[in-house]
Amino acid sequence: MIQNFEAFIVAITILTLTPGLDTALVIRNTSRGGFVDGSMTSLGICSGLFVHALLSAIGISAVLSQSAELFQAVKLVGAAYLVYLGVTSLKSTFQGAGTLHVQQGHQHRFILKRSLKEGFLSNVLNPKTAVFYLAFLPQFINPEYSPLVQSMLMAAIHFVIAMVWQCSVAGALNKAKNLLKNGRFMRWMEATTGMVLVALGVKLMLEKQ
């Protein structure tokens, strides 16, 4: 059903592993309330992915109802955006990107509602995630099938990958924290992500539609 499924899996996995706002929030809350706090924060974050997938599917459906040519134009713009993100990551690498700054808090009592709310709102209100989903998901949508079903399926796959990664980070906080403070590791992740995004964007732009 999903087009270029292998490319989707590779890209979304590498992007998930790249330290960013979500990872920083999981680490902060793990420091605050332990593994359960971090893992429930991750659950909130990953649940927000379905909101972005739904909005993306609505947009895709609206475009498809207009014309197939317009859908291809949207895909082309999205592919160009992926290339832009990749070039930005590579530029950060060459400029010597710093470490991920993670604020460490004191140990506090775990509150389920607080962890879920913080994770969910952090993801849903993040404009970068919204724009990324709007650009990323259409690249793998097969017009012959329901955009909503495909978008939700991709969000579910992303959900599983992100949960596994973020809960692993929460379970190995000290090791992960040191890695995120390591400039060489951060530059390697930025470079890897950048190359994947550029390669994927170029492939999708040159692909015979």
N, C-alpha and C. Protein backbone atom coordinates (compact mmCIF):
# COMPACT_ATOMS: atom_id res chain seq x y z
N MET A 1 0.83 -1.20 0.00
CA MET A 1 0.00 0.00 0.00
C MET A 1 0.87 1.26 0.00
N ILE A 2 1.80 1.36 0.93
CA ILE A 2 2.67 2.53 1.03
C ILE A 2 3.76 2.46 -0.03
N GLN A 3 3.94 3.55 -0.77
CA GLN A 3 4.98 3.59 -1.79
C GLN A 3 6.35 3.81 -1.14
N ASN A 4 7.38 3.22 -1.77
CA ASN A 4 8.76 3.39 -1.27
C ASN A 4 8.85 3.07 0.23
N PHE A 5 8.24 1.93 0.60
CA PHE A 5 8.14 1.59 2.02
C PHE A 5 9.52 1.46 2.67
N GLU A 6 10.48 0.84 1.98
CA GLU A 6 11.82 0.66 2.55
C GLU A 6 12.47 2.00 2.82
N ALA A 7 12.33 2.94 1.88
CA ALA A 7 12.91 4.27 2.06
C ALA A 7 12.26 4.97 3.25
N PHE A 8 10.97 4.78 3.42
CA PHE A 8 10.27 5.39 4.55
C PHE A 8 10.82 4.86 5.88
N ILE A 9 10.99 3.55 5.97
CA ILE A 9 11.48 2.94 7.21
C ILE A 9 12.87 3.46 7.56
N VAL A 10 13.77 3.50 6.57
CA VAL A 10 15.14 3.96 6.82
C VAL A 10 15.14 5.42 7.26
N ALA A 11 14.41 6.26 6.52
CA ALA A 11 14.41 7.69 6.82
C ALA A 11 13.81 7.98 8.19
N ILE A 12 12.66 7.40 8.49
CA ILE A 12 11.99 7.71 9.75
C ILE A 12 12.76 7.17 10.95
N THR A 13 13.47 6.06 10.75
CA THR A 13 14.28 5.50 11.84
C THR A 13 15.45 6.41 12.17
N ILE A 14 16.19 6.82 11.15
CA ILE A 14 17.34 7.68 11.37
C ILE A 14 16.92 9.03 11.95
N LEU A 15 15.83 9.56 11.45
CA LEU A 15 15.34 10.83 11.96
C LEU A 15 14.90 10.72 13.42
N THR A 16 14.32 9.59 13.77
CA THR A 16 13.89 9.38 15.16
C THR A 16 15.08 9.30 16.10
N LEU A 17 16.17 8.69 15.63
CA LEU A 17 17.35 8.52 16.47
C LEU A 17 18.13 9.82 16.65
N THR A 18 17.86 10.81 15.81
CA THR A 18 18.58 12.07 15.91
C THR A 18 18.10 12.86 17.13
N PRO A 19 19.00 13.20 18.05
CA PRO A 19 18.61 13.93 19.26
C PRO A 19 17.97 15.27 18.93
N GLY A 20 16.89 15.57 19.60
CA GLY A 20 16.19 16.83 19.37
C GLY A 20 15.34 17.19 20.56
N LEU A 21 14.30 17.99 20.32
CA LEU A 21 13.44 18.46 21.40
C LEU A 21 12.77 17.32 22.16
N ASP A 22 12.26 16.33 21.42
CA ASP A 22 11.58 15.21 22.06
C ASP A 22 12.51 14.44 22.99
N THR A 23 13.72 14.16 22.48
CA THR A 23 14.70 13.43 23.29
C THR A 23 15.07 14.23 24.53
N ALA A 24 15.24 15.54 24.36
CA ALA A 24 15.60 16.40 25.49
C ALA A 24 14.52 16.37 26.56
N LEU A 25 13.26 16.39 26.14
CA LEU A 25 12.15 16.38 27.10
C LEU A 25 12.08 15.05 27.84
N VAL A 26 12.30 13.96 27.11
CA VAL A 26 12.30 12.63 27.75
C VAL A 26 13.41 12.54 28.80
N ILE A 27 14.59 13.05 28.47
CA ILE A 27 15.72 13.01 29.41
C ILE A 27 15.44 13.88 30.63
N ARG A 28 14.90 15.07 30.39
CA ARG A 28 14.60 15.96 31.51
C ARG A 28 13.61 15.33 32.47
N ASN A 29 12.55 14.75 31.91
CA ASN A 29 11.52 14.18 32.78
C ASN A 29 11.96 12.87 33.43
N THR A 30 12.87 12.15 32.76
CA THR A 30 13.43 10.95 33.38
C THR A 30 14.26 11.35 34.59
N SER A 31 15.00 12.44 34.47
CA SER A 31 15.78 12.95 35.59
C SER A 31 14.87 13.42 36.71
N ARG A 32 13.71 13.90 36.33
CA ARG A 32 12.76 14.44 37.30
C ARG A 32 12.03 13.35 38.09
N GLY A 33 11.56 12.32 37.38
CA GLY A 33 10.71 11.33 38.04
C GLY A 33 11.03 9.89 37.74
N GLY A 34 12.22 9.64 37.15
CA GLY A 34 12.61 8.27 36.89
C GLY A 34 12.16 7.74 35.54
N PHE A 35 12.39 6.44 35.33
CA PHE A 35 12.11 5.79 34.05
C PHE A 35 10.64 5.91 33.65
N VAL A 36 9.74 5.72 34.59
CA VAL A 36 8.31 5.76 34.27
C VAL A 36 7.91 7.15 33.79
N ASP A 37 8.45 8.17 34.42
CA ASP A 37 8.17 9.55 34.01
C ASP A 37 8.63 9.77 32.57
N GLY A 38 9.84 9.31 32.26
CA GLY A 38 10.38 9.48 30.91
C GLY A 38 9.59 8.68 29.88
N SER A 39 9.22 7.45 30.20
CA SER A 39 8.52 6.61 29.25
C SER A 39 7.09 7.10 29.01
N MET A 40 6.43 7.63 30.05
CA MET A 40 5.09 8.18 29.86
C MET A 40 5.13 9.50 29.09
N THR A 41 6.21 10.24 29.27
CA THR A 41 6.40 11.45 28.46
C THR A 41 6.55 11.06 27.00
N SER A 42 7.29 9.99 26.75
CA SER A 42 7.46 9.47 25.40
C SER A 42 6.12 9.05 24.81
N LEU A 43 5.27 8.41 25.62
CA LEU A 43 3.94 8.00 25.15
C LEU A 43 3.12 9.21 24.73
N GLY A 44 3.20 10.28 25.52
CA GLY A 44 2.50 11.51 25.16
C GLY A 44 3.02 12.10 23.86
N ILE A 45 4.35 12.13 23.73
CA ILE A 45 4.97 12.66 22.51
C ILE A 45 4.53 11.87 21.28
N CYS A 46 4.62 10.57 21.37
CA CYS A 46 4.32 9.71 20.23
C CYS A 46 2.84 9.71 19.88
N SER A 47 1.98 9.92 20.88
CA SER A 47 0.55 10.02 20.61
C SER A 47 0.24 11.25 19.76
N GLY A 48 1.04 12.29 19.95
CA GLY A 48 0.84 13.50 19.16
C GLY A 48 1.11 13.30 17.68
N LEU A 49 1.85 12.26 17.33
CA LEU A 49 2.15 12.00 15.92
C LEU A 49 0.88 11.74 15.11
N PHE A 50 -0.12 11.14 15.75
CA PHE A 50 -1.37 10.83 15.04
C PHE A 50 -2.15 12.10 14.70
N VAL A 51 -1.98 13.14 15.51
CA VAL A 51 -2.63 14.41 15.21
C VAL A 51 -2.03 15.00 13.94
N HIS A 52 -0.70 14.98 13.86
CA HIS A 52 -0.04 15.49 12.66
C HIS A 52 -0.38 14.65 11.43
N ALA A 53 -0.47 13.33 11.61
CA ALA A 53 -0.81 12.44 10.51
C ALA A 53 -2.23 12.72 10.01
N LEU A 54 -3.15 12.96 10.94
CA LEU A 54 -4.54 13.26 10.56
C LEU A 54 -4.62 14.55 9.76
N LEU A 55 -3.94 15.58 10.23
CA LEU A 55 -3.95 16.86 9.52
C LEU A 55 -3.31 16.73 8.14
N SER A 56 -2.23 15.95 8.08
CA SER A 56 -1.58 15.72 6.79
C SER A 56 -2.51 14.99 5.84
N ALA A 57 -3.22 13.97 6.34
CA ALA A 57 -4.13 13.19 5.51
C ALA A 57 -5.27 14.05 4.97
N ILE A 58 -5.78 14.95 5.82
CA ILE A 58 -6.86 15.85 5.38
C ILE A 58 -6.37 16.73 4.23
N GLY A 59 -5.14 17.25 4.38
CA GLY A 59 -4.57 18.08 3.32
C GLY A 59 -4.34 17.30 2.04
N ILE A 60 -3.83 16.09 2.18
CA ILE A 60 -3.58 15.25 1.00
C ILE A 60 -4.88 14.91 0.28
N SER A 61 -5.91 14.56 1.05
CA SER A 61 -7.21 14.22 0.46
C SER A 61 -7.79 15.41 -0.31
N ALA A 62 -7.63 16.61 0.27
CA ALA A 62 -8.14 17.81 -0.40
C ALA A 62 -7.41 18.05 -1.71
N VAL A 63 -6.10 17.83 -1.70
CA VAL A 63 -5.32 18.03 -2.93
C VAL A 63 -5.69 17.00 -3.98
N LEU A 64 -5.82 15.74 -3.56
CA LEU A 64 -6.16 14.67 -4.51
C LEU A 64 -7.54 14.89 -5.14
N SER A 65 -8.44 15.50 -4.39
CA SER A 65 -9.78 15.74 -4.92
C SER A 65 -9.76 16.81 -6.01
N GLN A 66 -8.70 17.61 -6.03
CA GLN A 66 -8.58 18.65 -7.05
C GLN A 66 -7.99 18.09 -8.35
N SER A 67 -6.79 17.51 -8.24
CA SER A 67 -6.17 16.94 -9.44
C SER A 67 -4.93 16.14 -9.07
N ALA A 68 -4.61 15.15 -9.92
CA ALA A 68 -3.41 14.34 -9.71
C ALA A 68 -2.16 15.19 -9.94
N GLU A 69 -2.25 16.13 -10.86
CA GLU A 69 -1.10 17.00 -11.16
C GLU A 69 -0.75 17.86 -9.95
N LEU A 70 -1.77 18.36 -9.27
CA LEU A 70 -1.54 19.18 -8.08
C LEU A 70 -0.90 18.35 -6.98
N PHE A 71 -1.33 17.09 -6.87
CA PHE A 71 -0.74 16.20 -5.87
C PHE A 71 0.75 15.98 -6.15
N GLN A 72 1.10 15.80 -7.43
CA GLN A 72 2.50 15.62 -7.79
C GLN A 72 3.31 16.89 -7.50
N ALA A 73 2.67 18.05 -7.69
CA ALA A 73 3.35 19.31 -7.39
C ALA A 73 3.62 19.42 -5.89
N VAL A 74 2.65 18.99 -5.08
CA VAL A 74 2.83 19.00 -3.62
C VAL A 74 3.96 18.07 -3.22
N LYS A 75 4.02 16.91 -3.86
CA LYS A 75 5.09 15.96 -3.56
C LYS A 75 6.45 16.55 -3.92
N LEU A 76 6.50 17.27 -5.04
CA LEU A 76 7.77 17.87 -5.48
C LEU A 76 8.23 18.93 -4.48
N VAL A 77 7.30 19.75 -4.03
CA VAL A 77 7.63 20.78 -3.03
C VAL A 77 8.09 20.11 -1.74
N GLY A 78 7.41 19.03 -1.34
CA GLY A 78 7.78 18.31 -0.13
C GLY A 78 9.16 17.71 -0.23
N ALA A 79 9.49 17.14 -1.40
CA ALA A 79 10.81 16.56 -1.61
C ALA A 79 11.89 17.64 -1.53
N ALA A 80 11.59 18.80 -2.09
CA ALA A 80 12.54 19.92 -2.03
C ALA A 80 12.74 20.35 -0.58
N TYR A 81 11.68 20.31 0.22
CA TYR A 81 11.79 20.67 1.63
C TYR A 81 12.67 19.68 2.38
N LEU A 82 12.57 18.39 2.04
CA LEU A 82 13.42 17.38 2.66
C LEU A 82 14.89 17.65 2.34
N VAL A 83 15.15 18.03 1.08
CA VAL A 83 16.52 18.37 0.69
C VAL A 83 17.01 19.56 1.51
N TYR A 84 16.13 20.55 1.68
CA TYR A 84 16.47 21.74 2.47
C TYR A 84 16.83 21.35 3.91
N LEU A 85 16.03 20.48 4.51
CA LEU A 85 16.32 20.03 5.87
C LEU A 85 17.66 19.32 5.94
N GLY A 86 17.93 18.50 4.91
CA GLY A 86 19.19 17.78 4.87
C GLY A 86 20.38 18.71 4.75
N VAL A 87 20.27 19.69 3.87
CA VAL A 87 21.36 20.66 3.68
C VAL A 87 21.57 21.45 4.97
N THR A 88 20.49 21.78 5.66
CA THR A 88 20.59 22.50 6.93
C THR A 88 21.35 21.68 7.96
N SER A 89 21.07 20.38 8.02
CA SER A 89 21.77 19.50 8.95
C SER A 89 23.25 19.41 8.62
N LEU A 90 23.56 19.28 7.34
CA LEU A 90 24.96 19.21 6.91
C LEU A 90 25.68 20.52 7.20
N LYS A 91 24.98 21.63 7.01
CA LYS A 91 25.57 22.93 7.29
C LYS A 91 25.90 23.06 8.78
N SER A 92 25.01 22.55 9.63
CA SER A 92 25.25 22.59 11.07
C SER A 92 26.48 21.77 11.42
N THR A 93 26.66 20.65 10.71
CA THR A 93 27.81 19.78 10.95
C THR A 93 29.11 20.51 10.63
N PHE A 94 29.15 21.15 9.45
CA PHE A 94 30.36 21.84 9.02
C PHE A 94 30.67 23.05 9.90
N GLN A 95 29.62 23.63 10.48
CA GLN A 95 29.82 24.79 11.34
C GLN A 95 30.15 24.40 12.77
N GLY A 96 30.21 23.09 13.01
CA GLY A 96 30.55 22.60 14.34
C GLY A 96 29.41 22.78 15.31
N ALA A 97 28.29 22.10 15.03
CA ALA A 97 27.11 22.22 15.89
C ALA A 97 27.46 21.85 17.32
N GLY A 98 26.85 22.55 18.25
CA GLY A 98 27.11 22.30 19.67
C GLY A 98 26.37 21.08 20.17
N THR A 99 26.38 20.92 21.46
CA THR A 99 25.70 19.78 22.06
C THR A 99 24.25 20.12 22.32
N LEU A 100 23.48 19.10 22.57
CA LEU A 100 22.08 19.29 22.91
C LEU A 100 22.00 19.70 24.38
N HIS A 101 21.42 20.86 24.65
CA HIS A 101 21.35 21.35 26.01
C HIS A 101 20.13 20.78 26.71
N VAL A 102 20.37 20.01 27.72
CA VAL A 102 19.30 19.36 28.46
C VAL A 102 19.32 19.85 29.90
N GLN A 103 18.24 20.44 30.32
CA GLN A 103 18.16 20.92 31.69
C GLN A 103 17.87 19.77 32.63
N GLN A 104 18.65 19.66 33.63
CA GLN A 104 18.47 18.59 34.62
C GLN A 104 17.75 19.14 35.83
N GLY A 105 16.70 18.46 36.24
CA GLY A 105 15.93 18.90 37.39
C GLY A 105 16.16 17.98 38.57
N HIS A 106 15.57 18.37 39.72
CA HIS A 106 15.66 17.54 40.91
C HIS A 106 14.64 16.41 40.81
N GLN A 107 14.87 15.34 41.53
CA GLN A 107 13.96 14.21 41.51
C GLN A 107 12.62 14.61 42.15
N HIS A 108 11.54 14.38 41.44
CA HIS A 108 10.21 14.71 41.93
C HIS A 108 9.30 13.50 41.81
N ARG A 109 8.14 13.60 42.45
CA ARG A 109 7.16 12.53 42.40
C ARG A 109 6.58 12.41 41.00
N PHE A 110 6.43 11.19 40.53
CA PHE A 110 5.88 10.95 39.20
C PHE A 110 4.38 11.20 39.20
N ILE A 111 3.91 12.00 38.22
CA ILE A 111 2.48 12.27 38.04
C ILE A 111 2.14 11.92 36.59
N LEU A 112 1.34 10.88 36.40
CA LEU A 112 1.04 10.37 35.06
C LEU A 112 0.45 11.45 34.15
N LYS A 113 -0.56 12.15 34.62
CA LYS A 113 -1.23 13.15 33.79
C LYS A 113 -0.26 14.23 33.34
N ARG A 114 0.62 14.65 34.24
CA ARG A 114 1.60 15.70 33.91
C ARG A 114 2.55 15.23 32.82
N SER A 115 3.06 14.02 32.93
CA SER A 115 4.01 13.50 31.95
C SER A 115 3.37 13.37 30.57
N LEU A 116 2.16 12.80 30.53
CA LEU A 116 1.46 12.63 29.25
C LEU A 116 1.15 13.97 28.61
N LYS A 117 0.69 14.93 29.43
CA LYS A 117 0.32 16.24 28.91
C LYS A 117 1.54 16.98 28.37
N GLU A 118 2.63 16.95 29.10
CA GLU A 118 3.84 17.64 28.65
C GLU A 118 4.33 17.06 27.33
N GLY A 119 4.36 15.73 27.22
CA GLY A 119 4.83 15.09 26.00
C GLY A 119 3.91 15.37 24.83
N PHE A 120 2.60 15.24 25.05
CA PHE A 120 1.62 15.42 23.98
C PHE A 120 1.63 16.85 23.45
N LEU A 121 1.56 17.83 24.36
CA LEU A 121 1.53 19.22 23.94
C LEU A 121 2.84 19.64 23.30
N SER A 122 3.94 19.11 23.79
CA SER A 122 5.24 19.44 23.21
C SER A 122 5.29 19.03 21.74
N ASN A 123 4.72 17.88 21.42
CA ASN A 123 4.74 17.38 20.05
C ASN A 123 3.70 18.07 19.18
N VAL A 124 2.47 18.14 19.66
CA VAL A 124 1.38 18.70 18.86
C VAL A 124 1.61 20.18 18.54
N LEU A 125 2.19 20.92 19.49
CA LEU A 125 2.39 22.36 19.31
C LEU A 125 3.73 22.70 18.67
N ASN A 126 4.47 21.67 18.26
CA ASN A 126 5.76 21.89 17.61
C ASN A 126 5.54 22.12 16.11
N PRO A 127 5.69 23.34 15.62
CA PRO A 127 5.43 23.61 14.19
C PRO A 127 6.37 22.85 13.26
N LYS A 128 7.58 22.55 13.73
CA LYS A 128 8.52 21.81 12.89
C LYS A 128 8.01 20.41 12.59
N THR A 129 7.40 19.77 13.59
CA THR A 129 6.84 18.44 13.37
C THR A 129 5.67 18.50 12.40
N ALA A 130 4.82 19.52 12.54
CA ALA A 130 3.67 19.67 11.65
C ALA A 130 4.10 19.86 10.20
N VAL A 131 5.06 20.75 9.99
CA VAL A 131 5.55 21.02 8.63
C VAL A 131 6.23 19.77 8.06
N PHE A 132 7.01 19.08 8.91
CA PHE A 132 7.71 17.89 8.44
C PHE A 132 6.72 16.82 7.99
N TYR A 133 5.68 16.59 8.76
CA TYR A 133 4.70 15.57 8.37
C TYR A 133 3.98 15.96 7.08
N LEU A 134 3.68 17.24 6.94
CA LEU A 134 3.01 17.70 5.71
C LEU A 134 3.90 17.51 4.49
N ALA A 135 5.21 17.59 4.67
CA ALA A 135 6.15 17.41 3.56
C ALA A 135 6.54 15.96 3.37
N PHE A 136 6.64 15.23 4.48
CA PHE A 136 7.21 13.88 4.45
C PHE A 136 6.20 12.81 4.02
N LEU A 137 5.03 12.79 4.64
CA LEU A 137 4.08 11.72 4.39
C LEU A 137 3.59 11.63 2.94
N PRO A 138 3.32 12.77 2.26
CA PRO A 138 2.84 12.66 0.87
C PRO A 138 3.80 11.92 -0.06
N GLN A 139 5.09 11.89 0.29
CA GLN A 139 6.07 11.22 -0.57
C GLN A 139 5.80 9.71 -0.66
N PHE A 140 5.08 9.18 0.30
CA PHE A 140 4.89 7.73 0.37
C PHE A 140 3.42 7.33 0.23
N ILE A 141 2.56 8.30 -0.08
CA ILE A 141 1.14 8.02 -0.23
C ILE A 141 0.85 7.46 -1.62
N ASN A 142 0.15 6.34 -1.66
CA ASN A 142 -0.31 5.76 -2.92
C ASN A 142 -1.71 6.31 -3.20
N PRO A 143 -1.88 7.12 -4.26
CA PRO A 143 -3.18 7.76 -4.53
C PRO A 143 -4.32 6.77 -4.73
N GLU A 144 -3.98 5.49 -5.00
CA GLU A 144 -5.02 4.50 -5.25
C GLU A 144 -5.68 4.01 -3.96
N TYR A 145 -5.09 4.37 -2.82
CA TYR A 145 -5.63 3.93 -1.54
C TYR A 145 -5.93 5.14 -0.65
N SER A 146 -6.57 4.89 0.45
CA SER A 146 -6.98 5.96 1.36
C SER A 146 -5.78 6.68 1.96
N PRO A 147 -5.67 8.01 1.75
CA PRO A 147 -4.58 8.77 2.37
C PRO A 147 -4.64 8.70 3.90
N LEU A 148 -5.86 8.68 4.45
CA LEU A 148 -6.01 8.64 5.90
C LEU A 148 -5.46 7.34 6.48
N VAL A 149 -5.81 6.22 5.87
CA VAL A 149 -5.33 4.92 6.35
C VAL A 149 -3.82 4.84 6.26
N GLN A 150 -3.27 5.28 5.12
CA GLN A 150 -1.82 5.22 4.93
C GLN A 150 -1.09 6.16 5.89
N SER A 151 -1.63 7.36 6.09
CA SER A 151 -1.00 8.32 7.01
C SER A 151 -1.00 7.78 8.43
N MET A 152 -2.10 7.21 8.85
CA MET A 152 -2.19 6.65 10.19
C MET A 152 -1.27 5.44 10.36
N LEU A 153 -1.13 4.65 9.30
CA LEU A 153 -0.23 3.51 9.34
C LEU A 153 1.22 3.97 9.50
N MET A 154 1.60 5.00 8.75
CA MET A 154 2.96 5.53 8.87
C MET A 154 3.19 6.15 10.24
N ALA A 155 2.17 6.82 10.78
CA ALA A 155 2.28 7.39 12.11
C ALA A 155 2.43 6.28 13.15
N ALA A 156 1.72 5.16 12.94
CA ALA A 156 1.81 4.03 13.87
C ALA A 156 3.21 3.43 13.86
N ILE A 157 3.80 3.32 12.66
CA ILE A 157 5.17 2.80 12.55
C ILE A 157 6.14 3.75 13.25
N HIS A 158 5.96 5.05 13.01
CA HIS A 158 6.79 6.05 13.65
C HIS A 158 6.61 5.99 15.17
N PHE A 159 5.38 5.77 15.61
CA PHE A 159 5.06 5.66 17.03
C PHE A 159 5.88 4.54 17.69
N VAL A 160 5.89 3.37 17.06
CA VAL A 160 6.61 2.22 17.62
C VAL A 160 8.11 2.48 17.68
N ILE A 161 8.67 3.00 16.58
CA ILE A 161 10.11 3.26 16.52
C ILE A 161 10.51 4.30 17.57
N ALA A 162 9.72 5.38 17.65
CA ALA A 162 10.04 6.45 18.60
C ALA A 162 9.90 5.99 20.04
N MET A 163 8.87 5.19 20.33
CA MET A 163 8.68 4.69 21.69
C MET A 163 9.85 3.81 22.11
N VAL A 164 10.27 2.92 21.23
CA VAL A 164 11.39 2.03 21.54
C VAL A 164 12.65 2.85 21.82
N TRP A 165 12.91 3.84 20.96
CA TRP A 165 14.12 4.65 21.12
C TRP A 165 14.08 5.50 22.39
N GLN A 166 12.99 6.23 22.58
CA GLN A 166 12.92 7.14 23.70
C GLN A 166 12.87 6.42 25.04
N CYS A 167 12.21 5.27 25.08
CA CYS A 167 12.19 4.49 26.32
C CYS A 167 13.57 3.89 26.59
N SER A 168 14.30 3.58 25.53
CA SER A 168 15.67 3.10 25.71
C SER A 168 16.55 4.20 26.28
N VAL A 169 16.33 5.42 25.80
CA VAL A 169 17.07 6.57 26.33
C VAL A 169 16.73 6.77 27.81
N ALA A 170 15.44 6.67 28.14
CA ALA A 170 15.03 6.83 29.52
C ALA A 170 15.64 5.76 30.41
N GLY A 171 15.77 4.54 29.87
CA GLY A 171 16.30 3.45 30.66
C GLY A 171 17.81 3.48 30.82
N ALA A 172 18.47 4.23 29.97
CA ALA A 172 19.93 4.33 30.06
C ALA A 172 20.31 5.80 30.09
N LEU A 173 19.70 6.53 31.00
CA LEU A 173 19.81 7.99 31.04
C LEU A 173 21.24 8.50 31.07
N ASN A 174 22.05 8.00 31.97
CA ASN A 174 23.40 8.54 32.12
C ASN A 174 24.24 8.38 30.85
N LYS A 175 24.14 7.22 30.23
CA LYS A 175 24.90 6.97 29.01
C LYS A 175 24.41 7.87 27.88
N ALA A 176 23.10 7.94 27.74
CA ALA A 176 22.53 8.77 26.68
C ALA A 176 22.87 10.24 26.91
N LYS A 177 22.83 10.65 28.18
CA LYS A 177 23.11 12.05 28.51
C LYS A 177 24.52 12.43 28.12
N ASN A 178 25.45 11.52 28.35
CA ASN A 178 26.84 11.80 27.98
C ASN A 178 27.00 11.87 26.47
N LEU A 179 26.29 11.00 25.75
CA LEU A 179 26.37 11.03 24.29
C LEU A 179 25.84 12.35 23.75
N LEU A 180 24.73 12.83 24.32
CA LEU A 180 24.12 14.05 23.83
C LEU A 180 24.96 15.27 24.14
N LYS A 181 25.90 15.13 25.08
CA LYS A 181 26.80 16.23 25.39
C LYS A 181 28.11 16.12 24.60
N ASN A 182 28.21 15.06 23.81
CA ASN A 182 29.42 14.81 23.04
C ASN A 182 29.29 15.47 21.67
N GLY A 183 30.11 16.50 21.42
CA GLY A 183 30.02 17.23 20.17
C GLY A 183 30.27 16.37 18.95
N ARG A 184 31.21 15.43 19.04
CA ARG A 184 31.51 14.57 17.90
C ARG A 184 30.31 13.69 17.55
N PHE A 185 29.67 13.14 18.57
CA PHE A 185 28.48 12.30 18.34
C PHE A 185 27.37 13.12 17.69
N MET A 186 27.14 14.33 18.19
CA MET A 186 26.09 15.18 17.65
C MET A 186 26.35 15.53 16.20
N ARG A 187 27.62 15.83 15.87
CA ARG A 187 27.95 16.17 14.48
C ARG A 187 27.77 14.97 13.57
N TRP A 188 28.10 13.78 14.09
CA TRP A 188 27.92 12.56 13.29
C TRP A 188 26.44 12.31 13.00
N MET A 189 25.59 12.52 14.02
CA MET A 189 24.15 12.33 13.83
C MET A 189 23.59 13.37 12.86
N GLU A 190 24.05 14.62 12.97
CA GLU A 190 23.59 15.67 12.07
C GLU A 190 23.98 15.35 10.63
N ALA A 191 25.22 14.89 10.44
CA ALA A 191 25.70 14.58 9.10
C ALA A 191 24.94 13.40 8.50
N THR A 192 24.70 12.36 9.31
CA THR A 192 23.97 11.19 8.82
C THR A 192 22.55 11.57 8.42
N THR A 193 21.89 12.30 9.29
CA THR A 193 20.53 12.74 8.99
C THR A 193 20.49 13.60 7.73
N GLY A 194 21.43 14.52 7.63
CA GLY A 194 21.47 15.41 6.47
C GLY A 194 21.63 14.64 5.17
N MET A 195 22.55 13.69 5.15
CA MET A 195 22.78 12.91 3.92
C MET A 195 21.56 12.08 3.54
N VAL A 196 20.91 11.50 4.55
CA VAL A 196 19.71 10.70 4.28
C VAL A 196 18.61 11.57 3.69
N LEU A 197 18.38 12.74 4.27
CA LEU A 197 17.32 13.62 3.79
C LEU A 197 17.60 14.14 2.38
N VAL A 198 18.85 14.53 2.12
CA VAL A 198 19.20 15.01 0.78
C VAL A 198 19.03 13.90 -0.24
N ALA A 199 19.54 12.72 0.07
CA ALA A 199 19.44 11.59 -0.86
C ALA A 199 17.98 11.22 -1.11
N LEU A 200 17.17 11.20 -0.04
CA LEU A 200 15.77 10.85 -0.19
C LEU A 200 15.03 11.90 -1.01
N GLY A 201 15.29 13.18 -0.71
CA GLY A 201 14.62 14.25 -1.44
C GLY A 201 14.97 14.23 -2.92
N VAL A 202 16.26 14.05 -3.24
CA VAL A 202 16.68 14.00 -4.64
C VAL A 202 16.07 12.79 -5.35
N LYS A 203 16.07 11.65 -4.67
CA LYS A 203 15.48 10.42 -5.24
C LYS A 203 14.01 10.64 -5.58
N LEU A 204 13.28 11.27 -4.67
CA LEU A 204 11.85 11.47 -4.88
C LEU A 204 11.59 12.50 -5.98
N MET A 205 12.45 13.49 -6.10
CA MET A 205 12.28 14.49 -7.14
C MET A 205 12.57 13.92 -8.53
N LEU A 206 13.55 13.01 -8.60
CA LEU A 206 13.92 12.43 -9.89
C LEU A 206 13.10 11.22 -10.26
N GLU A 207 12.34 10.72 -9.29
CA GLU A 207 11.56 9.50 -9.52
C GLU A 207 10.50 9.73 -10.58
N LYS A 208 10.31 8.76 -11.43
CA LYS A 208 9.30 8.85 -12.47
C LYS A 208 7.92 8.71 -11.84
N GLN A 209 7.12 9.75 -11.94
CA GLN A 209 5.81 9.75 -11.27
C GLN A 209 4.80 8.95 -12.08
